[in-house]
């Protein structure tokens, strides 16, 4: 469960550049004044189940 005010990212892209995606999520969070989480996406259903807010697809 995420804290309120947390922007949840999921990546469906190449795992070997996860650090880049993590940097991108942190940058967006800083600009919006929100904390961020990033994880490897498992299914696009995560969007409809409101488990993630932003997808890197």
Protein backbone atom coordinates (compact mmCIF):
# COMPACT_ATOMS: atom_id res chain seq x y z
CA UNK A 1 0.00 0.00 0.00
CA UNK A 2 1.39 3.38 -1.01
CA UNK A 3 1.45 6.49 1.10
CA UNK A 4 -0.97 9.24 0.07
CA UNK A 5 0.72 11.60 -2.37
CA UNK A 6 2.80 8.84 -3.92
CA UNK A 7 2.98 8.53 -7.69
CA UNK A 8 3.31 4.85 -8.59
CA UNK A 9 5.26 3.95 -11.73
CA UNK A 10 5.55 0.58 -13.46
CA UNK A 11 7.95 -0.22 -16.26
CA UNK A 12 7.23 -2.75 -18.95
CA UNK A 13 10.53 -2.02 -20.71
CA UNK A 14 14.01 -3.56 -20.68
CA UNK A 15 15.08 -4.34 -17.11
CA UNK A 16 18.76 -3.68 -17.82
CA UNK A 17 18.10 0.08 -17.75
CA UNK A 18 15.89 0.08 -14.63
CA UNK A 19 18.12 2.72 -13.04
CA UNK A 20 17.23 5.13 -15.85
CA UNK A 21 13.52 4.55 -15.24
CA UNK A 22 14.07 5.04 -11.52
CA UNK A 23 15.80 8.36 -12.22
CA UNK A 24 12.93 9.43 -14.47
CA UNK A 25 10.34 8.60 -11.81
CA UNK A 26 12.27 10.51 -9.14
CA UNK A 27 12.65 13.52 -11.44
CA UNK A 28 8.93 13.64 -12.21
CA UNK A 29 8.14 13.27 -8.51
CA UNK A 30 10.46 16.13 -7.59
CA UNK A 31 8.89 18.42 -10.20
CA UNK A 32 5.38 17.56 -8.96
CA UNK A 33 6.27 17.59 -5.27
CA UNK A 34 5.30 13.93 -4.82
CA UNK A 35 7.10 10.86 -3.61
CA UNK A 36 7.44 8.07 -6.14
CA UNK A 37 7.64 4.32 -6.31
CA UNK A 38 8.73 2.28 -9.30
CA UNK A 39 8.36 -1.41 -9.98
CA UNK A 40 8.51 -3.84 -12.84
CA UNK A 41 5.04 -4.10 -14.32
CA UNK A 42 3.47 -7.52 -14.47
CA UNK A 43 0.23 -6.83 -16.31
CA UNK A 44 -1.60 -3.91 -17.87
CA UNK A 45 -4.45 -4.86 -15.53
CA UNK A 46 -2.49 -3.05 -12.83
CA UNK A 47 -3.81 0.21 -14.32
CA UNK A 48 -7.47 -0.76 -14.09
CA UNK A 49 -6.90 -2.14 -10.58
CA UNK A 50 -5.32 1.21 -9.64
CA UNK A 51 -2.08 -0.44 -8.56
CA UNK A 52 0.01 1.94 -10.70
CA UNK A 53 -0.49 5.49 -11.92
CA UNK A 54 2.14 5.82 -14.66
CA UNK A 55 3.46 3.22 -17.06
CA UNK A 56 6.66 3.17 -19.03
CA UNK A 57 5.58 1.14 -22.03
